[in-house]
All heavy atoms as atom14 arrays in JSON, in Angstrom:
{
  "sequence": "DTIQERPDKLNLYFSTDGGRNWRETKPSGMSGRFDAVFRRAGTSVL",
  "atom14_mask": [
    [1, 1, 1, 1, 1, 1, 1, 1, 0, 0, 0, 0, 0, 0],
    [1, 1, 1, 1, 1, 1, 1, 0, 0, 0, 0, 0, 0, 0],
    [1, 1, 1, 1, 1, 1, 1, 1, 0, 0, 0, 0, 0, 0],
    [1, 1, 1, 1, 1, 1, 1, 1, 1, 0, 0, 0, 0, 0],
    [1, 1, 1, 1, 1, 1, 1, 1, 1, 0, 0, 0, 0, 0],
    [1, 1, 1, 1, 1, 1, 1, 1, 1, 1, 1, 0, 0, 0],
    [1, 1, 1, 1, 1, 1, 1, 0, 0, 0, 0, 0, 0, 0],
    [1, 1, 1, 1, 1, 1, 1, 1, 0, 0, 0, 0, 0, 0],
    [1, 1, 1, 1, 1, 1, 1, 1, 1, 0, 0, 0, 0, 0],
    [1, 1, 1, 1, 1, 1, 1, 1, 0, 0, 0, 0, 0, 0],
    [1, 1, 1, 1, 1, 1, 1, 1, 0, 0, 0, 0, 0, 0],
    [1, 1, 1, 1, 1, 1, 1, 1, 0, 0, 0, 0, 0, 0],
    [1, 1, 1, 1, 1, 1, 1, 1, 1, 1, 1, 1, 0, 0],
    [1, 1, 1, 1, 1, 1, 1, 1, 1, 1, 1, 0, 0, 0],
    [1, 1, 1, 1, 1, 1, 0, 0, 0, 0, 0, 0, 0, 0],
    [1, 1, 1, 1, 1, 1, 1, 0, 0, 0, 0, 0, 0, 0],
    [1, 1, 1, 1, 1, 1, 1, 1, 0, 0, 0, 0, 0, 0],
    [1, 1, 1, 1, 0, 0, 0, 0, 0, 0, 0, 0, 0, 0],
    [1, 1, 1, 1, 0, 0, 0, 0, 0, 0, 0, 0, 0, 0],
    [1, 1, 1, 1, 1, 1, 1, 1, 1, 1, 1, 0, 0, 0],
    [1, 1, 1, 1, 1, 1, 1, 1, 0, 0, 0, 0, 0, 0],
    [1, 1, 1, 1, 1, 1, 1, 1, 1, 1, 1, 1, 1, 1],
    [1, 1, 1, 1, 1, 1, 1, 1, 1, 1, 1, 0, 0, 0],
    [1, 1, 1, 1, 1, 1, 1, 1, 1, 0, 0, 0, 0, 0],
    [1, 1, 1, 1, 1, 1, 1, 0, 0, 0, 0, 0, 0, 0],
    [1, 1, 1, 1, 1, 1, 1, 1, 1, 0, 0, 0, 0, 0],
    [1, 1, 1, 1, 1, 1, 1, 0, 0, 0, 0, 0, 0, 0],
    [1, 1, 1, 1, 1, 1, 0, 0, 0, 0, 0, 0, 0, 0],
    [1, 1, 1, 1, 0, 0, 0, 0, 0, 0, 0, 0, 0, 0],
    [1, 1, 1, 1, 1, 1, 1, 1, 0, 0, 0, 0, 0, 0],
    [1, 1, 1, 1, 1, 1, 0, 0, 0, 0, 0, 0, 0, 0],
    [1, 1, 1, 1, 0, 0, 0, 0, 0, 0, 0, 0, 0, 0],
    [1, 1, 1, 1, 1, 1, 1, 1, 1, 1, 1, 0, 0, 0],
    [1, 1, 1, 1, 1, 1, 1, 1, 1, 1, 1, 0, 0, 0],
    [1, 1, 1, 1, 1, 1, 1, 1, 0, 0, 0, 0, 0, 0],
    [1, 1, 1, 1, 1, 0, 0, 0, 0, 0, 0, 0, 0, 0],
    [1, 1, 1, 1, 1, 1, 1, 0, 0, 0, 0, 0, 0, 0],
    [1, 1, 1, 1, 1, 1, 1, 1, 1, 1, 1, 0, 0, 0],
    [1, 1, 1, 1, 1, 1, 1, 1, 1, 1, 1, 0, 0, 0],
    [1, 1, 1, 1, 1, 1, 1, 1, 1, 1, 1, 0, 0, 0],
    [1, 1, 1, 1, 1, 0, 0, 0, 0, 0, 0, 0, 0, 0],
    [1, 1, 1, 1, 0, 0, 0, 0, 0, 0, 0, 0, 0, 0],
    [1, 1, 1, 1, 1, 1, 1, 0, 0, 0, 0, 0, 0, 0],
    [1, 1, 1, 1, 1, 1, 0, 0, 0, 0, 0, 0, 0, 0],
    [1, 1, 1, 1, 1, 1, 1, 0, 0, 0, 0, 0, 0, 0],
    [1, 1, 1, 1, 1, 1, 1, 1, 0, 0, 0, 0, 0, 0]
  ],
  "atom14_positions": [
    [[46.33, 110.28, 98.26], [45.61, 110.33, 96.97], [46.35, 111.23, 95.99], [46.09, 111.16, 94.76], [44.22, 110.95, 97.22], [43.37, 110.07, 98.13], [43.52, 108.85, 98.07], [42.59, 110.62, 98.93], [0.0, 0.0, 0.0], [0.0, 0.0, 0.0], [0.0, 0.0, 0.0], [0.0, 0.0, 0.0], [0.0, 0.0, 0.0], [0.0, 0.0, 0.0]],
    [[47.31, 112.05, 96.48], [48.06, 112.92, 95.59], [49.38, 113.3, 96.26], [49.63, 112.88, 97.42], [47.27, 114.22, 95.31], [47.95, 115.03, 94.29], [47.06, 115.02, 96.56], [0.0, 0.0, 0.0], [0.0, 0.0, 0.0], [0.0, 0.0, 0.0], [0.0, 0.0, 0.0], [0.0, 0.0, 0.0], [0.0, 0.0, 0.0], [0.0, 0.0, 0.0]],
    [[50.25, 114.05, 95.55], [51.51, 114.45, 96.15], [51.26, 115.34, 97.35], [50.46, 116.27, 97.3], [52.35, 115.19, 95.1], [52.75, 114.2, 93.98], [53.56, 115.86, 95.68], [53.47, 114.86, 92.86], [0.0, 0.0, 0.0], [0.0, 0.0, 0.0], [0.0, 0.0, 0.0], [0.0, 0.0, 0.0], [0.0, 0.0, 0.0], [0.0, 0.0, 0.0]],
    [[51.96, 115.11, 98.43], [51.82, 115.88, 99.65], [52.62, 117.17, 99.51], [53.82, 117.15, 99.15], [52.36, 115.1, 100.88], [52.34, 115.82, 102.19], [50.99, 116.3, 102.55], [50.77, 117.56, 102.62], [50.02, 115.42, 102.79], [0.0, 0.0, 0.0], [0.0, 0.0, 0.0], [0.0, 0.0, 0.0], [0.0, 0.0, 0.0], [0.0, 0.0, 0.0]],
    [[52.0, 118.29, 99.77], [52.62, 119.57, 99.6], [53.22, 120.19, 100.88], [53.93, 121.17, 100.83], [51.6, 120.6, 98.99], [51.05, 120.17, 97.66], [52.06, 120.22, 96.54], [53.14, 120.82, 96.71], [51.79, 119.69, 95.43], [0.0, 0.0, 0.0], [0.0, 0.0, 0.0], [0.0, 0.0, 0.0], [0.0, 0.0, 0.0], [0.0, 0.0, 0.0]],
    [[52.94, 119.62, 102.04], [53.4, 120.17, 103.28], [54.6, 119.4, 103.75], [54.56, 118.19, 103.96], [52.31, 120.11, 104.36], [51.1, 121.03, 104.06], [50.2, 121.1, 105.29], [50.92, 121.6, 106.47], [51.06, 122.87, 106.77], [50.54, 123.79, 105.98], [51.7, 123.23, 107.87], [0.0, 0.0, 0.0], [0.0, 0.0, 0.0], [0.0, 0.0, 0.0]],
    [[55.76, 120.07, 104.01], [56.95, 119.34, 104.4], [56.87, 118.62, 105.72], [57.55, 117.59, 105.93], [58.04, 120.47, 104.46], [57.25, 121.75, 104.61], [55.94, 121.53, 103.86], [0.0, 0.0, 0.0], [0.0, 0.0, 0.0], [0.0, 0.0, 0.0], [0.0, 0.0, 0.0], [0.0, 0.0, 0.0], [0.0, 0.0, 0.0], [0.0, 0.0, 0.0]],
    [[56.0, 119.07, 106.63], [55.84, 118.4, 107.88], [55.08, 117.07, 107.75], [55.0, 116.29, 108.71], [55.19, 119.29, 108.95], [53.78, 119.76, 108.48], [53.57, 119.87, 107.31], [52.95, 120.03, 109.38], [0.0, 0.0, 0.0], [0.0, 0.0, 0.0], [0.0, 0.0, 0.0], [0.0, 0.0, 0.0], [0.0, 0.0, 0.0], [0.0, 0.0, 0.0]],
    [[54.56, 116.81, 106.58], [53.82, 115.56, 106.31], [54.64, 114.59, 105.47], [54.17, 113.47, 105.17], [52.51, 115.85, 105.59], [51.57, 116.78, 106.34], [50.99, 116.18, 107.57], [49.96, 117.06, 108.24], [49.38, 116.45, 109.49], [0.0, 0.0, 0.0], [0.0, 0.0, 0.0], [0.0, 0.0, 0.0], [0.0, 0.0, 0.0], [0.0, 0.0, 0.0]],
    [[55.87, 115.0, 105.11], [56.68, 114.15, 104.26], [57.49, 113.11, 105.04], [57.84, 113.38, 106.17], [57.66, 115.01, 103.44], [57.03, 116.04, 102.46], [58.11, 116.81, 101.77], [56.11, 115.35, 101.46], [0.0, 0.0, 0.0], [0.0, 0.0, 0.0], [0.0, 0.0, 0.0], [0.0, 0.0, 0.0], [0.0, 0.0, 0.0], [0.0, 0.0, 0.0]],
    [[57.69, 112.0, 104.41], [58.59, 110.94, 104.95], [59.73, 110.78, 103.98], [59.7, 111.21, 102.83], [57.86, 109.63, 105.13], [56.83, 109.71, 106.23], [57.14, 110.15, 107.34], [55.62, 109.21, 105.96], [0.0, 0.0, 0.0], [0.0, 0.0, 0.0], [0.0, 0.0, 0.0], [0.0, 0.0, 0.0], [0.0, 0.0, 0.0], [0.0, 0.0, 0.0]],
    [[60.79, 110.1, 104.4], [61.9, 109.73, 103.58], [61.75, 108.29, 103.12], [61.55, 107.43, 103.95], [63.23, 109.93, 104.33], [64.52, 109.55, 103.54], [64.72, 110.57, 102.43], [65.7, 109.53, 104.48], [0.0, 0.0, 0.0], [0.0, 0.0, 0.0], [0.0, 0.0, 0.0], [0.0, 0.0, 0.0], [0.0, 0.0, 0.0], [0.0, 0.0, 0.0]],
    [[61.87, 108.08, 101.8], [61.73, 106.77, 101.21], [62.99, 106.41, 100.44], [63.62, 107.26, 99.82], [60.5, 106.66, 100.32], [59.24, 106.9, 101.02], [58.7, 108.17, 101.16], [58.55, 105.83, 101.61], [57.51, 108.38, 101.86], [57.35, 106.04, 102.32], [56.82, 107.32, 102.46], [55.67, 107.54, 103.11], [0.0, 0.0, 0.0], [0.0, 0.0, 0.0]],
    [[63.35, 105.13, 100.43], [64.49, 104.72, 99.64], [64.29, 103.35, 99.07], [63.53, 102.52, 99.58], [65.78, 104.81, 100.4], [66.13, 103.57, 101.23], [67.08, 102.64, 100.74], [65.53, 103.35, 102.43], [67.38, 101.54, 101.48], [65.82, 102.22, 103.17], [66.77, 101.33, 102.71], [0.0, 0.0, 0.0], [0.0, 0.0, 0.0], [0.0, 0.0, 0.0]],
    [[64.9, 103.09, 97.89], [64.83, 101.83, 97.21], [66.25, 101.43, 96.87], [67.09, 102.24, 96.5], [64.0, 101.92, 95.92], [64.09, 100.74, 95.15], [0.0, 0.0, 0.0], [0.0, 0.0, 0.0], [0.0, 0.0, 0.0], [0.0, 0.0, 0.0], [0.0, 0.0, 0.0], [0.0, 0.0, 0.0], [0.0, 0.0, 0.0], [0.0, 0.0, 0.0]],
    [[66.53, 100.14, 96.97], [67.87, 99.62, 96.59], [67.83, 98.79, 95.34], [68.86, 98.24, 94.9], [68.46, 98.79, 97.76], [67.61, 97.67, 97.98], [68.59, 99.62, 99.01], [0.0, 0.0, 0.0], [0.0, 0.0, 0.0], [0.0, 0.0, 0.0], [0.0, 0.0, 0.0], [0.0, 0.0, 0.0], [0.0, 0.0, 0.0], [0.0, 0.0, 0.0]],
    [[66.63, 98.62, 94.75], [66.47, 97.75, 93.57], [65.82, 98.51, 92.41], [65.02, 97.93, 91.67], [65.68, 96.5, 93.91], [64.32, 96.79, 94.52], [63.93, 97.99, 94.56], [63.65, 95.85, 94.95], [0.0, 0.0, 0.0], [0.0, 0.0, 0.0], [0.0, 0.0, 0.0], [0.0, 0.0, 0.0], [0.0, 0.0, 0.0], [0.0, 0.0, 0.0]],
    [[66.13, 99.76, 92.25], [65.66, 100.5, 91.14], [64.18, 100.87, 91.17], [63.58, 101.03, 90.11], [0.0, 0.0, 0.0], [0.0, 0.0, 0.0], [0.0, 0.0, 0.0], [0.0, 0.0, 0.0], [0.0, 0.0, 0.0], [0.0, 0.0, 0.0], [0.0, 0.0, 0.0], [0.0, 0.0, 0.0], [0.0, 0.0, 0.0], [0.0, 0.0, 0.0]],
    [[63.62, 100.97, 92.34], [62.26, 101.39, 92.49], [61.2, 100.31, 92.49], [60.02, 100.61, 92.49], [0.0, 0.0, 0.0], [0.0, 0.0, 0.0], [0.0, 0.0, 0.0], [0.0, 0.0, 0.0], [0.0, 0.0, 0.0], [0.0, 0.0, 0.0], [0.0, 0.0, 0.0], [0.0, 0.0, 0.0], [0.0, 0.0, 0.0], [0.0, 0.0, 0.0]],
    [[61.64, 99.06, 92.56], [60.65, 97.96, 92.63], [60.11, 97.78, 94.03], [58.96, 97.4, 94.22], [61.32, 96.64, 92.12], [61.51, 96.68, 90.6], [62.2, 95.44, 90.08], [62.19, 95.35, 88.66], [62.99, 96.05, 87.86], [63.87, 96.87, 88.37], [62.92, 95.9, 86.54], [0.0, 0.0, 0.0], [0.0, 0.0, 0.0], [0.0, 0.0, 0.0]],
    [[60.93, 98.03, 95.01], [60.51, 97.96, 96.44], [60.98, 99.2, 97.15], [62.06, 99.76, 96.86], [61.08, 96.73, 97.1], [60.56, 95.45, 96.48], [59.4, 95.05, 96.73], [61.35, 94.75, 95.67], [0.0, 0.0, 0.0], [0.0, 0.0, 0.0], [0.0, 0.0, 0.0], [0.0, 0.0, 0.0], [0.0, 0.0, 0.0], [0.0, 0.0, 0.0]],
    [[60.19, 99.67, 98.11], [60.47, 100.89, 98.83], [60.39, 100.7, 100.31], [59.63, 99.84, 100.82], [59.45, 101.99, 98.44], [59.55, 102.4, 96.99], [58.96, 101.82, 95.93], [60.41, 103.45, 96.46], [59.33, 102.43, 94.76], [60.23, 103.42, 95.07], [61.28, 104.37, 97.03], [60.85, 104.34, 94.25], [61.93, 105.26, 96.2], [61.74, 105.27, 94.83]],
    [[61.19, 101.48, 101.05], [61.17, 101.47, 102.54], [60.96, 102.9, 103.01], [61.57, 103.81, 102.47], [62.47, 100.91, 103.1], [62.61, 99.41, 102.92], [63.85, 98.86, 103.55], [63.91, 97.42, 103.49], [64.89, 96.69, 104.0], [65.89, 97.29, 104.59], [64.87, 95.35, 103.92], [0.0, 0.0, 0.0], [0.0, 0.0, 0.0], [0.0, 0.0, 0.0]],
    [[60.13, 103.02, 104.04], [59.92, 104.28, 104.73], [60.86, 104.34, 105.94], [60.76, 103.49, 106.81], [58.45, 104.36, 105.15], [58.12, 105.71, 105.81], [56.62, 105.75, 106.24], [55.75, 105.94, 105.36], [56.35, 105.52, 107.47], [0.0, 0.0, 0.0], [0.0, 0.0, 0.0], [0.0, 0.0, 0.0], [0.0, 0.0, 0.0], [0.0, 0.0, 0.0]],
    [[61.77, 105.32, 105.89], [62.86, 105.22, 106.87], [62.82, 106.29, 107.96], [63.53, 106.15, 108.95], [64.22, 105.36, 106.15], [64.28, 106.65, 105.51], [64.39, 104.28, 105.09], [0.0, 0.0, 0.0], [0.0, 0.0, 0.0], [0.0, 0.0, 0.0], [0.0, 0.0, 0.0], [0.0, 0.0, 0.0], [0.0, 0.0, 0.0], [0.0, 0.0, 0.0]],
    [[62.06, 107.33, 107.78], [62.04, 108.42, 108.79], [60.57, 108.82, 109.03], [59.76, 108.78, 108.11], [62.81, 109.63, 108.37], [64.29, 109.35, 108.2], [64.98, 108.9, 109.49], [64.98, 109.99, 110.56], [65.67, 109.57, 111.76], [0.0, 0.0, 0.0], [0.0, 0.0, 0.0], [0.0, 0.0, 0.0], [0.0, 0.0, 0.0], [0.0, 0.0, 0.0]],
    [[60.21, 109.24, 110.24], [58.83, 109.7, 110.49], [58.55, 111.01, 109.81], [59.42, 111.71, 109.35], [58.82, 109.87, 112.02], [60.23, 110.12, 112.38], [61.05, 109.31, 111.43], [0.0, 0.0, 0.0], [0.0, 0.0, 0.0], [0.0, 0.0, 0.0], [0.0, 0.0, 0.0], [0.0, 0.0, 0.0], [0.0, 0.0, 0.0], [0.0, 0.0, 0.0]],
    [[57.26, 111.37, 109.75], [56.85, 112.61, 109.16], [57.57, 113.8, 109.8], [57.85, 113.77, 111.01], [55.32, 112.79, 109.27], [54.63, 111.82, 108.58], [0.0, 0.0, 0.0], [0.0, 0.0, 0.0], [0.0, 0.0, 0.0], [0.0, 0.0, 0.0], [0.0, 0.0, 0.0], [0.0, 0.0, 0.0], [0.0, 0.0, 0.0], [0.0, 0.0, 0.0]],
    [[57.84, 114.81, 109.02], [58.48, 116.02, 109.55], [59.95, 116.02, 109.25], [60.63, 117.04, 109.46], [0.0, 0.0, 0.0], [0.0, 0.0, 0.0], [0.0, 0.0, 0.0], [0.0, 0.0, 0.0], [0.0, 0.0, 0.0], [0.0, 0.0, 0.0], [0.0, 0.0, 0.0], [0.0, 0.0, 0.0], [0.0, 0.0, 0.0], [0.0, 0.0, 0.0]],
    [[60.53, 114.89, 108.8], [61.94, 114.85, 108.45], [62.13, 115.48, 107.06], [61.69, 114.95, 106.09], [62.44, 113.45, 108.42], [63.91, 113.3, 108.05], [65.01, 114.13, 109.16], [66.08, 114.96, 108.03], [0.0, 0.0, 0.0], [0.0, 0.0, 0.0], [0.0, 0.0, 0.0], [0.0, 0.0, 0.0], [0.0, 0.0, 0.0], [0.0, 0.0, 0.0]],
    [[62.74, 116.63, 107.01], [62.97, 117.27, 105.73], [64.45, 117.62, 105.59], [65.2, 117.41, 106.5], [62.13, 118.55, 105.56], [62.47, 119.48, 106.59], [0.0, 0.0, 0.0], [0.0, 0.0, 0.0], [0.0, 0.0, 0.0], [0.0, 0.0, 0.0], [0.0, 0.0, 0.0], [0.0, 0.0, 0.0], [0.0, 0.0, 0.0], [0.0, 0.0, 0.0]],
    [[64.83, 118.17, 104.45], [66.21, 118.47, 104.2], [66.77, 117.57, 103.12], [66.43, 116.4, 103.03], [0.0, 0.0, 0.0], [0.0, 0.0, 0.0], [0.0, 0.0, 0.0], [0.0, 0.0, 0.0], [0.0, 0.0, 0.0], [0.0, 0.0, 0.0], [0.0, 0.0, 0.0], [0.0, 0.0, 0.0], [0.0, 0.0, 0.0], [0.0, 0.0, 0.0]],
    [[67.6, 118.09, 102.26], [68.11, 117.34, 101.17], [69.28, 116.43, 101.59], [70.1, 116.82, 102.37], [68.61, 118.3, 100.05], [69.09, 117.56, 98.84], [69.48, 118.52, 97.78], [70.07, 117.78, 96.65], [69.63, 117.81, 95.4], [68.61, 118.62, 95.11], [70.2, 117.19, 94.44], [0.0, 0.0, 0.0], [0.0, 0.0, 0.0], [0.0, 0.0, 0.0]],
    [[69.27, 115.24, 100.99], [70.35, 114.3, 101.22], [71.29, 114.33, 100.01], [70.92, 113.92, 98.92], [69.81, 112.93, 101.49], [69.11, 112.77, 102.8], [67.8, 113.14, 102.91], [69.82, 112.35, 103.93], [67.17, 113.06, 104.14], [69.2, 112.27, 105.16], [67.86, 112.63, 105.22], [0.0, 0.0, 0.0], [0.0, 0.0, 0.0], [0.0, 0.0, 0.0]],
    [[72.53, 114.82, 100.22], [73.43, 115.04, 99.11], [74.52, 114.01, 98.97], [75.33, 114.11, 98.07], [74.06, 116.44, 99.24], [73.12, 117.49, 98.69], [72.28, 117.23, 97.84], [73.21, 118.64, 99.17], [0.0, 0.0, 0.0], [0.0, 0.0, 0.0], [0.0, 0.0, 0.0], [0.0, 0.0, 0.0], [0.0, 0.0, 0.0], [0.0, 0.0, 0.0]],
    [[74.59, 113.06, 99.85], [75.61, 112.02, 99.7], [75.06, 110.7, 100.1], [74.3, 110.58, 101.05], [76.81, 112.36, 100.6], [0.0, 0.0, 0.0], [0.0, 0.0, 0.0], [0.0, 0.0, 0.0], [0.0, 0.0, 0.0], [0.0, 0.0, 0.0], [0.0, 0.0, 0.0], [0.0, 0.0, 0.0], [0.0, 0.0, 0.0], [0.0, 0.0, 0.0]],
    [[75.4, 109.69, 99.38], [74.96, 108.35, 99.64], [76.15, 107.41, 99.58], [76.9, 107.42, 98.63], [73.9, 107.86, 98.61], [73.37, 106.49, 99.0], [72.76, 108.89, 98.45], [0.0, 0.0, 0.0], [0.0, 0.0, 0.0], [0.0, 0.0, 0.0], [0.0, 0.0, 0.0], [0.0, 0.0, 0.0], [0.0, 0.0, 0.0], [0.0, 0.0, 0.0]],
    [[76.33, 106.62, 100.63], [77.42, 105.64, 100.64], [76.86, 104.32, 101.05], [75.88, 104.17, 101.77], [78.47, 106.07, 101.64], [78.94, 107.47, 101.5], [78.37, 108.49, 102.27], [79.94, 107.82, 100.58], [78.79, 109.82, 102.1], [80.33, 109.14, 100.44], [79.77, 110.12, 101.2], [0.0, 0.0, 0.0], [0.0, 0.0, 0.0], [0.0, 0.0, 0.0]],
    [[77.49, 103.27, 100.52], [77.06, 101.92, 100.92], [78.28, 101.05, 101.22], [79.2, 100.97, 100.4], [76.23, 101.27, 99.81], [75.64, 99.93, 100.2], [74.89, 99.29, 99.08], [74.24, 98.06, 99.5], [73.65, 97.2, 98.73], [73.6, 97.44, 97.4], [73.1, 96.11, 99.16], [0.0, 0.0, 0.0], [0.0, 0.0, 0.0], [0.0, 0.0, 0.0]],
    [[78.28, 100.4, 102.33], [79.38, 99.52, 102.68], [78.82, 98.47, 103.67], [78.14, 98.75, 104.64], [80.52, 100.29, 103.35], [81.66, 99.4, 103.76], [82.86, 100.24, 104.23], [83.43, 100.99, 103.14], [84.47, 101.81, 103.24], [85.0, 101.95, 104.44], [84.95, 102.42, 102.21], [0.0, 0.0, 0.0], [0.0, 0.0, 0.0], [0.0, 0.0, 0.0]],
    [[79.13, 97.2, 103.34], [78.71, 96.03, 104.23], [77.24, 96.06, 104.48], [76.8, 95.82, 105.63], [79.55, 96.07, 105.54], [0.0, 0.0, 0.0], [0.0, 0.0, 0.0], [0.0, 0.0, 0.0], [0.0, 0.0, 0.0], [0.0, 0.0, 0.0], [0.0, 0.0, 0.0], [0.0, 0.0, 0.0], [0.0, 0.0, 0.0], [0.0, 0.0, 0.0]],
    [[76.43, 96.34, 103.5], [75.0, 96.28, 103.65], [74.38, 97.46, 104.37], [73.18, 97.44, 104.67], [0.0, 0.0, 0.0], [0.0, 0.0, 0.0], [0.0, 0.0, 0.0], [0.0, 0.0, 0.0], [0.0, 0.0, 0.0], [0.0, 0.0, 0.0], [0.0, 0.0, 0.0], [0.0, 0.0, 0.0], [0.0, 0.0, 0.0], [0.0, 0.0, 0.0]],
    [[75.14, 98.5, 104.66], [74.63, 99.67, 105.34], [74.67, 100.89, 104.43], [75.71, 101.16, 103.86], [75.4, 99.92, 106.62], [75.28, 98.83, 107.48], [74.87, 101.2, 107.31], [0.0, 0.0, 0.0], [0.0, 0.0, 0.0], [0.0, 0.0, 0.0], [0.0, 0.0, 0.0], [0.0, 0.0, 0.0], [0.0, 0.0, 0.0], [0.0, 0.0, 0.0]],
    [[73.56, 101.61, 104.35], [73.51, 102.87, 103.6], [73.69, 104.03, 104.52], [73.12, 104.06, 105.58], [72.15, 103.02, 102.85], [71.94, 101.89, 102.0], [0.0, 0.0, 0.0], [0.0, 0.0, 0.0], [0.0, 0.0, 0.0], [0.0, 0.0, 0.0], [0.0, 0.0, 0.0], [0.0, 0.0, 0.0], [0.0, 0.0, 0.0], [0.0, 0.0, 0.0]],
    [[74.51, 104.98, 104.12], [74.76, 106.15, 104.94], [74.27, 107.35, 104.17], [74.73, 107.64, 103.08], [76.25, 106.33, 105.27], [76.46, 107.54, 106.18], [76.79, 105.04, 105.94], [0.0, 0.0, 0.0], [0.0, 0.0, 0.0], [0.0, 0.0, 0.0], [0.0, 0.0, 0.0], [0.0, 0.0, 0.0], [0.0, 0.0, 0.0], [0.0, 0.0, 0.0]],
    [[73.31, 108.09, 104.73], [72.79, 109.25, 104.11], [73.24, 110.49, 104.83], [73.08, 110.62, 106.04], [71.21, 109.23, 104.13], [70.55, 107.9, 103.78], [69.03, 108.06, 103.89], [70.98, 107.4, 102.41], [0.0, 0.0, 0.0], [0.0, 0.0, 0.0], [0.0, 0.0, 0.0], [0.0, 0.0, 0.0], [0.0, 0.0, 0.0], [0.0, 0.0, 0.0]]
  ]
}
């Protein structure tokens, strides 16, 4: 219903089409900043 404030409740989400579609990629509790993004042959590396 609102922004989650607890890091252990957060998931990682990503979009490849400018925010029109989203994927949930990691279970709750995954935190930490992702500072590099690479894409090759259809695979994203975070």
